[in-house]
Amino acid sequence: MTDQVQPTCDTDQMEADVTAVIEACGGDPRTAIKALLVEQLIQEQRIERLAAALSFGYVRGRIGVTPVHGSSSHGEITRS
């Protein structure tokens, strides 16, 4: 695997973003990680709902949200 070097400006921005997230969580890195994991879960659920709506809309000729089969243990809510 090859090592990819990021430009300094991207690295600096990433460091600033990390610092901002930790500061927003009271300086506690564990709390910051938990907050980011929760946000990631929320975004994944949104993507699943949007993907289901897009597939259903394409096949049926309309856009709508359908129940997602194989529900997750995170209590996701779907609309039809």
PDB file of N, CA and C in Angstrom:
ATOM      1  N   MET A   1       0.848  -1.180   0.000  1.00  0.00           N
ATOM      2  CA  MET A   1       0.000   0.000   0.000  1.00  0.00           C
ATOM      3  C   MET A   1       0.887   1.236   0.000  1.00  0.00           C
ATOM      4  N   THR A   2       0.546   2.213  -0.793  1.00  0.00           N
ATOM      5  CA  THR A   2       1.362   3.420  -0.892  1.00  0.00           C
ATOM      6  C   THR A   2       0.892   4.445   0.117  1.00  0.00           C
ATOM      7  N   ASP A   3       1.838   5.205   0.619  1.00  0.00           N
ATOM      8  CA  ASP A   3       1.511   6.290   1.542  1.00  0.00           C
ATOM      9  C   ASP A   3       1.121   7.517   0.745  1.00  0.00           C
ATOM     10  N   GLN A   4      -0.003   8.107   1.120  1.00  0.00           N
ATOM     11  CA  GLN A   4      -0.449   9.320   0.456  1.00  0.00           C
ATOM     12  C   GLN A   4      -0.199  10.496   1.387  1.00  0.00           C
ATOM     13  N   VAL A   5       0.455  11.514   0.864  1.00  0.00           N
ATOM     14  CA  VAL A   5       0.767  12.698   1.647  1.00  0.00           C
ATOM     15  C   VAL A   5      -0.268  13.766   1.346  1.00  0.00           C
ATOM     16  N   GLN A   6      -0.905  14.275   2.400  1.00  0.00           N
ATOM     17  CA  GLN A   6      -1.883  15.344   2.214  1.00  0.00           C
ATOM     18  C   GLN A   6      -1.174  16.678   2.219  1.00  0.00           C
ATOM     19  N   PRO A   7      -1.685  17.619   1.432  1.00  0.00           N
ATOM     20  CA  PRO A   7      -1.113  18.963   1.481  1.00  0.00           C
ATOM     21  C   PRO A   7      -1.226  19.541   2.886  1.00  0.00           C
ATOM     22  N   THR A   8      -0.302  20.404   3.251  1.00  0.00           N
ATOM     23  CA  THR A   8      -0.256  20.979   4.587  1.00  0.00           C
ATOM     24  C   THR A   8      -1.543  21.698   4.956  1.00  0.00           C
ATOM     25  N   CYS A   9      -2.167  22.398   4.022  1.00  0.00           N
ATOM     26  CA  CYS A   9      -3.373  23.151   4.330  1.00  0.00           C
ATOM     27  C   CYS A   9      -4.519  22.221   4.737  1.00  0.00           C
ATOM     28  N   ASP A  10      -4.640  21.043   4.096  1.00  0.00           N
ATOM     29  CA  ASP A  10      -5.666  20.078   4.478  1.00  0.00           C
ATOM     30  C   ASP A  10      -5.397  19.528   5.870  1.00  0.00           C
ATOM     31  N   THR A  11      -4.130  19.225   6.153  1.00  0.00           N
ATOM     32  CA  THR A  11      -3.752  18.706   7.459  1.00  0.00           C
ATOM     33  C   THR A  11      -4.015  19.746   8.533  1.00  0.00           C
ATOM     34  N   ASP A  12      -3.672  20.994   8.265  1.00  0.00           N
ATOM     35  CA  ASP A  12      -3.912  22.062   9.232  1.00  0.00           C
ATOM     36  C   ASP A  12      -5.400  22.238   9.497  1.00  0.00           C
ATOM     37  N   GLN A  13      -6.208  22.173   8.462  1.00  0.00           N
ATOM     38  CA  GLN A  13      -7.664  22.314   8.623  1.00  0.00           C
ATOM     39  C   GLN A  13      -8.219  21.140   9.415  1.00  0.00           C
ATOM     40  N   MET A  14      -7.727  19.942   9.154  1.00  0.00           N
ATOM     41  CA  MET A  14      -8.170  18.757   9.882  1.00  0.00           C
ATOM     42  C   MET A  14      -7.839  18.894  11.365  1.00  0.00           C
ATOM     43  N   GLU A  15      -6.643  19.345  11.664  1.00  0.00           N
ATOM     44  CA  GLU A  15      -6.240  19.546  13.065  1.00  0.00           C
ATOM     45  C   GLU A  15      -7.125  20.586  13.738  1.00  0.00           C
ATOM     46  N   ALA A  16      -7.442  21.659  13.025  1.00  0.00           N
ATOM     47  CA  ALA A  16      -8.319  22.697  13.577  1.00  0.00           C
ATOM     48  C   ALA A  16      -9.715  22.134  13.829  1.00  0.00           C
ATOM     49  N   ASP A  17     -10.208  21.296  12.907  1.00  0.00           N
ATOM     50  CA  ASP A  17     -11.527  20.679  13.085  1.00  0.00           C
ATOM     51  C   ASP A  17     -11.545  19.737  14.283  1.00  0.00           C
ATOM     52  N   VAL A  18     -10.493  18.942  14.441  1.00  0.00           N
ATOM     53  CA  VAL A  18     -10.403  18.023  15.580  1.00  0.00           C
ATOM     54  C   VAL A  18     -10.397  18.811  16.885  1.00  0.00           C
ATOM     55  N   THR A  19      -9.614  19.860  16.926  1.00  0.00           N
ATOM     56  CA  THR A  19      -9.552  20.694  18.120  1.00  0.00           C
ATOM     57  C   THR A  19     -10.914  21.307  18.422  1.00  0.00           C
ATOM     58  N   ALA A  20     -11.614  21.769  17.404  1.00  0.00           N
ATOM     59  CA  ALA A  20     -12.928  22.380  17.592  1.00  0.00           C
ATOM     60  C   ALA A  20     -13.940  21.370  18.145  1.00  0.00           C
ATOM     61  N   VAL A  21     -13.905  20.135  17.638  1.00  0.00           N
ATOM     62  CA  VAL A  21     -14.833  19.112  18.119  1.00  0.00           C
ATOM     63  C   VAL A  21     -14.549  18.785  19.585  1.00  0.00           C
ATOM     64  N   ILE A  22     -13.284  18.619  19.922  1.00  0.00           N
ATOM     65  CA  ILE A  22     -12.932  18.313  21.314  1.00  0.00           C
ATOM     66  C   ILE A  22     -13.317  19.457  22.238  1.00  0.00           C
ATOM     67  N   GLU A  23     -13.079  20.688  21.818  1.00  0.00           N
ATOM     68  CA  GLU A  23     -13.457  21.839  22.634  1.00  0.00           C
ATOM     69  C   GLU A  23     -14.970  21.927  22.799  1.00  0.00           C
ATOM     70  N   ALA A  24     -15.719  21.593  21.741  1.00  0.00           N
ATOM     71  CA  ALA A  24     -17.186  21.627  21.813  1.00  0.00           C
ATOM     72  C   ALA A  24     -17.723  20.585  22.787  1.00  0.00           C
ATOM     73  N   CYS A  25     -16.918  19.568  23.053  1.00  0.00           N
ATOM     74  CA  CYS A  25     -17.314  18.508  23.993  1.00  0.00           C
ATOM     75  C   CYS A  25     -16.643  18.691  25.348  1.00  0.00           C
ATOM     76  N   GLY A  26     -16.340  19.916  25.700  1.00  0.00           N
ATOM     77  CA  GLY A  26     -15.780  20.221  27.013  1.00  0.00           C
ATOM     78  C   GLY A  26     -14.345  19.761  27.209  1.00  0.00           C
ATOM     79  N   GLY A  27     -13.637  19.511  26.115  1.00  0.00           N
ATOM     80  CA  GLY A  27     -12.239  19.110  26.218  1.00  0.00           C
ATOM     81  C   GLY A  27     -12.040  17.618  26.444  1.00  0.00           C
ATOM     82  N   ASP A  28     -13.113  16.836  26.471  1.00  0.00           N
ATOM     83  CA  ASP A  28     -13.025  15.400  26.720  1.00  0.00           C
ATOM     84  C   ASP A  28     -13.010  14.631  25.390  1.00  0.00           C
ATOM     85  N   PRO A  29     -11.889  14.014  25.040  1.00  0.00           N
ATOM     86  CA  PRO A  29     -11.798  13.295  23.772  1.00  0.00           C
ATOM     87  C   PRO A  29     -12.784  12.128  23.669  1.00  0.00           C
ATOM     88  N   ARG A  30     -13.045  11.420  24.775  1.00  0.00           N
ATOM     89  CA  ARG A  30     -14.005  10.301  24.741  1.00  0.00           C
ATOM     90  C   ARG A  30     -15.400  10.797  24.398  1.00  0.00           C
ATOM     91  N   THR A  31     -15.797  11.923  24.973  1.00  0.00           N
ATOM     92  CA  THR A  31     -17.102  12.498  24.671  1.00  0.00           C
ATOM     93  C   THR A  31     -17.162  12.937  23.216  1.00  0.00           C
ATOM     94  N   ALA A  32     -16.067  13.486  22.710  1.00  0.00           N
ATOM     95  CA  ALA A  32     -16.014  13.900  21.310  1.00  0.00           C
ATOM     96  C   ALA A  32     -16.172  12.702  20.384  1.00  0.00           C
ATOM     97  N   ILE A  33     -15.504  11.596  20.707  1.00  0.00           N
ATOM     98  CA  ILE A  33     -15.619  10.394  19.877  1.00  0.00           C
ATOM     99  C   ILE A  33     -17.043   9.865  19.910  1.00  0.00           C
ATOM    100  N   LYS A  34     -17.648   9.827  21.099  1.00  0.00           N
ATOM    101  CA  LYS A  34     -19.035   9.363  21.206  1.00  0.00           C
ATOM    102  C   LYS A  34     -19.962  10.238  20.366  1.00  0.00           C
ATOM    103  N   ALA A  35     -19.777  11.549  20.436  1.00  0.00           N
ATOM    104  CA  ALA A  35     -20.626  12.471  19.669  1.00  0.00           C
ATOM    105  C   ALA A  35     -20.463  12.230  18.166  1.00  0.00           C
ATOM    106  N   LEU A  36     -19.245  12.006  17.713  1.00  0.00           N
ATOM    107  CA  LEU A  36     -19.006  11.741  16.298  1.00  0.00           C
ATOM    108  C   LEU A  36     -19.599  10.407  15.858  1.00  0.00           C
ATOM    109  N   LEU A  37     -19.540   9.397  16.717  1.00  0.00           N
ATOM    110  CA  LEU A  37     -20.136   8.107  16.386  1.00  0.00           C
ATOM    111  C   LEU A  37     -21.650   8.196  16.291  1.00  0.00           C
ATOM    112  N   VAL A  38     -22.267   8.962  17.186  1.00  0.00           N
ATOM    113  CA  VAL A  38     -23.713   9.163  17.123  1.00  0.00           C
ATOM    114  C   VAL A  38     -24.083   9.894  15.840  1.00  0.00           C
ATOM    115  N   GLU A  39     -23.335  10.914  15.503  1.00  0.00           N
ATOM    116  CA  GLU A  39     -23.588  11.659  14.266  1.00  0.00           C
ATOM    117  C   GLU A  39     -23.425  10.759  13.045  1.00  0.00           C
ATOM    118  N   GLN A  40     -22.424   9.891  13.061  1.00  0.00           N
ATOM    119  CA  GLN A  40     -22.215   8.960  11.947  1.00  0.00           C
ATOM    120  C   GLN A  40     -23.418   8.025  11.811  1.00  0.00           C
ATOM    121  N   LEU A  41     -23.927   7.512  12.926  1.00  0.00           N
ATOM    122  CA  LEU A  41     -25.093   6.629  12.902  1.00  0.00           C
ATOM    123  C   LEU A  41     -26.307   7.344  12.320  1.00  0.00           C
ATOM    124  N   ILE A  42     -26.520   8.582  12.731  1.00  0.00           N
ATOM    125  CA  ILE A  42     -27.638   9.373  12.217  1.00  0.00           C
ATOM    126  C   ILE A  42     -27.506   9.553  10.702  1.00  0.00           C
ATOM    127  N   GLN A  43     -26.309   9.869  10.237  1.00  0.00           N
ATOM    128  CA  GLN A  43     -26.096  10.070   8.804  1.00  0.00           C
ATOM    129  C   GLN A  43     -26.295   8.766   8.022  1.00  0.00           C
ATOM    130  N   GLU A  44     -25.837   7.640   8.585  1.00  0.00           N
ATOM    131  CA  GLU A  44     -26.037   6.356   7.909  1.00  0.00           C
ATOM    132  C   GLU A  44     -27.525   6.035   7.780  1.00  0.00           C
ATOM    133  N   GLN A  45     -28.305   6.326   8.828  1.00  0.00           N
ATOM    134  CA  GLN A  45     -29.745   6.083   8.771  1.00  0.00           C
ATOM    135  C   GLN A  45     -30.410   6.973   7.734  1.00  0.00           C
ATOM    136  N   ARG A  46     -29.971   8.216   7.636  1.00  0.00           N
ATOM    137  CA  ARG A  46     -30.512   9.120   6.618  1.00  0.00           C
ATOM    138  C   ARG A  46     -30.209   8.600   5.212  1.00  0.00           C
ATOM    139  N   ILE A  47     -29.001   8.136   5.016  1.00  0.00           N
ATOM    140  CA  ILE A  47     -28.617   7.607   3.709  1.00  0.00           C
ATOM    141  C   ILE A  47     -29.464   6.395   3.361  1.00  0.00           C
ATOM    142  N   GLU A  48     -29.684   5.498   4.326  1.00  0.00           N
ATOM    143  CA  GLU A  48     -30.518   4.313   4.081  1.00  0.00           C
ATOM    144  C   GLU A  48     -31.930   4.713   3.683  1.00  0.00           C
ATOM    145  N   ARG A  49     -32.511   5.675   4.393  1.00  0.00           N
ATOM    146  CA  ARG A  49     -33.873   6.124   4.075  1.00  0.00           C
ATOM    147  C   ARG A  49     -33.926   6.773   2.700  1.00  0.00           C
ATOM    148  N   LEU A  50     -32.942   7.597   2.382  1.00  0.00           N
ATOM    149  CA  LEU A  50     -32.919   8.246   1.072  1.00  0.00           C
ATOM    150  C   LEU A  50     -32.712   7.235  -0.046  1.00  0.00           C
ATOM    151  N   ALA A  51     -31.857   6.249   0.176  1.00  0.00           N
ATOM    152  CA  ALA A  51     -31.630   5.217  -0.836  1.00  0.00           C
ATOM    153  C   ALA A  51     -32.901   4.411  -1.065  1.00  0.00           C
ATOM    154  N   ALA A  52     -33.623   4.087   0.003  1.00  0.00           N
ATOM    155  CA  ALA A  52     -34.875   3.341  -0.130  1.00  0.00           C
ATOM    156  C   ALA A  52     -35.910   4.169  -0.881  1.00  0.00           C
ATOM    157  N   ALA A  53     -35.980   5.452  -0.573  1.00  0.00           N
ATOM    158  CA  ALA A  53     -36.938   6.333  -1.245  1.00  0.00           C
ATOM    159  C   ALA A  53     -36.595   6.479  -2.719  1.00  0.00           C
ATOM    160  N   LEU A  54     -35.334   6.587  -3.036  1.00  0.00           N
ATOM    161  CA  LEU A  54     -34.913   6.724  -4.421  1.00  0.00           C
ATOM    162  C   LEU A  54     -35.226   5.465  -5.206  1.00  0.00           C
ATOM    163  N   SER A  55     -34.914   4.307  -4.663  1.00  0.00           N
ATOM    164  CA  SER A  55     -35.189   3.050  -5.357  1.00  0.00           C
ATOM    165  C   SER A  55     -36.678   2.885  -5.585  1.00  0.00           C
ATOM    166  N   PHE A  56     -37.485   3.124  -4.565  1.00  0.00           N
ATOM    167  CA  PHE A  56     -38.929   2.978  -4.680  1.00  0.00           C
ATOM    168  C   PHE A  56     -39.481   3.967  -5.692  1.00  0.00           C
ATOM    169  N   GLY A  57     -39.027   5.200  -5.639  1.00  0.00           N
ATOM    170  CA  GLY A  57     -39.504   6.215  -6.573  1.00  0.00           C
ATOM    171  C   GLY A  57     -39.160   5.894  -8.008  1.00  0.00           C
ATOM    172  N   TYR A  58     -37.992   5.339  -8.230  1.00  0.00           N
ATOM    173  CA  TYR A  58     -37.573   4.992  -9.587  1.00  0.00           C
ATOM    174  C   TYR A  58     -38.410   3.831 -10.120  1.00  0.00           C
ATOM    175  N   VAL A  59     -38.610   2.811  -9.318  1.00  0.00           N
ATOM    176  CA  VAL A  59     -39.341   1.626  -9.765  1.00  0.00           C
ATOM    177  C   VAL A  59     -40.825   1.911  -9.918  1.00  0.00           C
ATOM    178  N   ARG A  60     -41.421   2.630  -8.990  1.00  0.00           N
ATOM    179  CA  ARG A  60     -42.855   2.869  -8.993  1.00  0.00           C
ATOM    180  C   ARG A  60     -43.258   4.155  -9.700  1.00  0.00           C
ATOM    181  N   GLY A  61     -42.295   4.950 -10.083  1.00  0.00           N
ATOM    182  CA  GLY A  61     -42.616   6.183 -10.787  1.00  0.00           C
ATOM    183  C   GLY A  61     -42.980   7.335  -9.886  1.00  0.00           C
ATOM    184  N   ARG A  62     -42.699   7.202  -8.590  1.00  0.00           N
ATOM    185  CA  ARG A  62     -42.950   8.310  -7.667  1.00  0.00           C
ATOM    186  C   ARG A  62     -41.921   8.258  -6.543  1.00  0.00           C
ATOM    187  N   ILE A  63     -41.765   9.377  -5.903  1.00  0.00           N
ATOM    188  CA  ILE A  63     -40.826   9.460  -4.796  1.00  0.00           C
ATOM    189  C   ILE A  63     -41.602   9.257  -3.500  1.00  0.00           C
ATOM    190  N   GLY A  64     -41.112   8.400  -2.629  1.00  0.00           N
ATOM    191  CA  GLY A  64     -41.739   8.155  -1.336  1.00  0.00           C
ATOM    192  C   GLY A  64     -40.783   7.398  -0.447  1.00  0.00           C
ATOM    193  N   VAL A  65     -41.051   7.401   0.824  1.00  0.00           N
ATOM    194  CA  VAL A  65     -40.208   6.680   1.766  1.00  0.00           C
ATOM    195  C   VAL A  65     -40.902   5.368   2.082  1.00  0.00           C
ATOM    196  N   THR A  66     -40.174   4.280   1.959  1.00  0.00           N
ATOM    197  CA  THR A  66     -40.740   2.964   2.224  1.00  0.00           C
ATOM    198  C   THR A  66     -40.082   2.361   3.452  1.00  0.00           C
ATOM    199  N   PRO A  67     -40.759   1.438   4.109  1.00  0.00           N
ATOM    200  CA  PRO A  67     -40.133   0.764   5.248  1.00  0.00           C
ATOM    201  C   PRO A  67     -38.870   0.038   4.799  1.00  0.00           C
ATOM    202  N   VAL A  68     -37.841   0.120   5.606  1.00  0.00           N
ATOM    203  CA  VAL A  68     -36.584  -0.542   5.311  1.00  0.00           C
ATOM    204  C   VAL A  68     -36.658  -1.941   5.882  1.00  0.00           C
ATOM    205  N   HIS A  69     -36.423  -2.951   5.049  1.00  0.00           N
ATOM    206  CA  HIS A  69     -36.455  -4.338   5.504  1.00  0.00           C
ATOM    207  C   HIS A  69     -35.191  -4.644   6.286  1.00  0.00           C
ATOM    208  N   GLY A  70     -35.308  -5.555   7.258  1.00  0.00           N
ATOM    209  CA  GLY A  70     -34.144  -5.893   8.082  1.00  0.00           C
ATOM    210  C   GLY A  70     -33.809  -4.758   9.007  1.00  0.00           C
ATOM    211  N   SER A  71     -34.781  -4.385   9.848  1.00  0.00           N
ATOM    212  CA  SER A  71     -34.600  -3.229  10.717  1.00  0.00           C
ATOM    213  C   SER A  71     -33.383  -3.389  11.614  1.00  0.00           C
ATOM    214  N   SER A  72     -32.780  -2.284  11.914  1.00  0.00           N
ATOM    215  CA  SER A  72     -31.602  -2.282  12.765  1.00  0.00           C
ATOM    216  C   SER A  72     -32.017  -2.203  14.223  1.00  0.00           C
ATOM    217  N   SER A  73     -31.080  -2.371  15.101  1.00  0.00           N
ATOM    218  CA  SER A  73     -31.360  -2.332  16.531  1.00  0.00           C
ATOM    219  C   SER A  73     -31.331  -0.909  17.066  1.00  0.00           C
ATOM    220  N   HIS A  74     -31.253   0.075  16.182  1.00  0.00           N
ATOM    221  CA  HIS A  74     -31.128   1.455  16.626  1.00  0.00           C
ATOM    222  C   HIS A  74     -32.460   2.195  16.617  1.00  0.00           C
ATOM    223  N   GLY A  75     -33.575   1.474  16.443  1.00  0.00           N
ATOM    224  CA  GLY A  75     -34.894   2.083  16.502  1.00  0.00           C
ATOM    225  C   GLY A  75     -35.129   3.094  15.406  1.00  0.00           C
ATOM    226  N   GLU A  76     -34.784   2.758  14.181  1.00  0.00           N
ATOM    227  CA  GLU A  76     -34.965   3.722  13.102  1.00  0.00           C
ATOM    228  C   GLU A  76     -36.439   3.848  12.754  1.00  0.00           C
ATOM    229  N   ILE A  77     -36.838   5.039  12.388  1.00  0.00           N
ATOM    230  CA  ILE A  77     -38.220   5.350  12.078  1.00  0.00           C
ATOM    231  C   ILE A  77     -38.347   5.533  10.582  1.00  0.00           C
ATOM    232  N   THR A  78     -39.351   4.890  10.000  1.00  0.00           N
ATOM    233  CA  THR A  78     -39.581   5.057   8.567  1.00  0.00           C
ATOM    234  C   THR A  78     -40.989   5.515   8.333  1.00  0.00           C
ATOM    235  N   ARG A  79     -41.208   6.219   7.219  1.00  0.00           N
ATOM    236  CA  ARG A  79     -42.536   6.690   6.823  1.00  0.00           C
ATOM    237  C   ARG A  79     -42.890   6.080   5.487  1.00  0.00           C
ATOM    238  N   SER A  80     -44.184   5.893   5.244  1.00  0.00           N
ATOM    239  CA  SER A  80     -44.594   5.399   3.932  1.00  0.00           C
ATOM    240  C   SER A  80     -45.540   6.368   3.276  1.00  0.00           C
TER     241      SER A  80
END
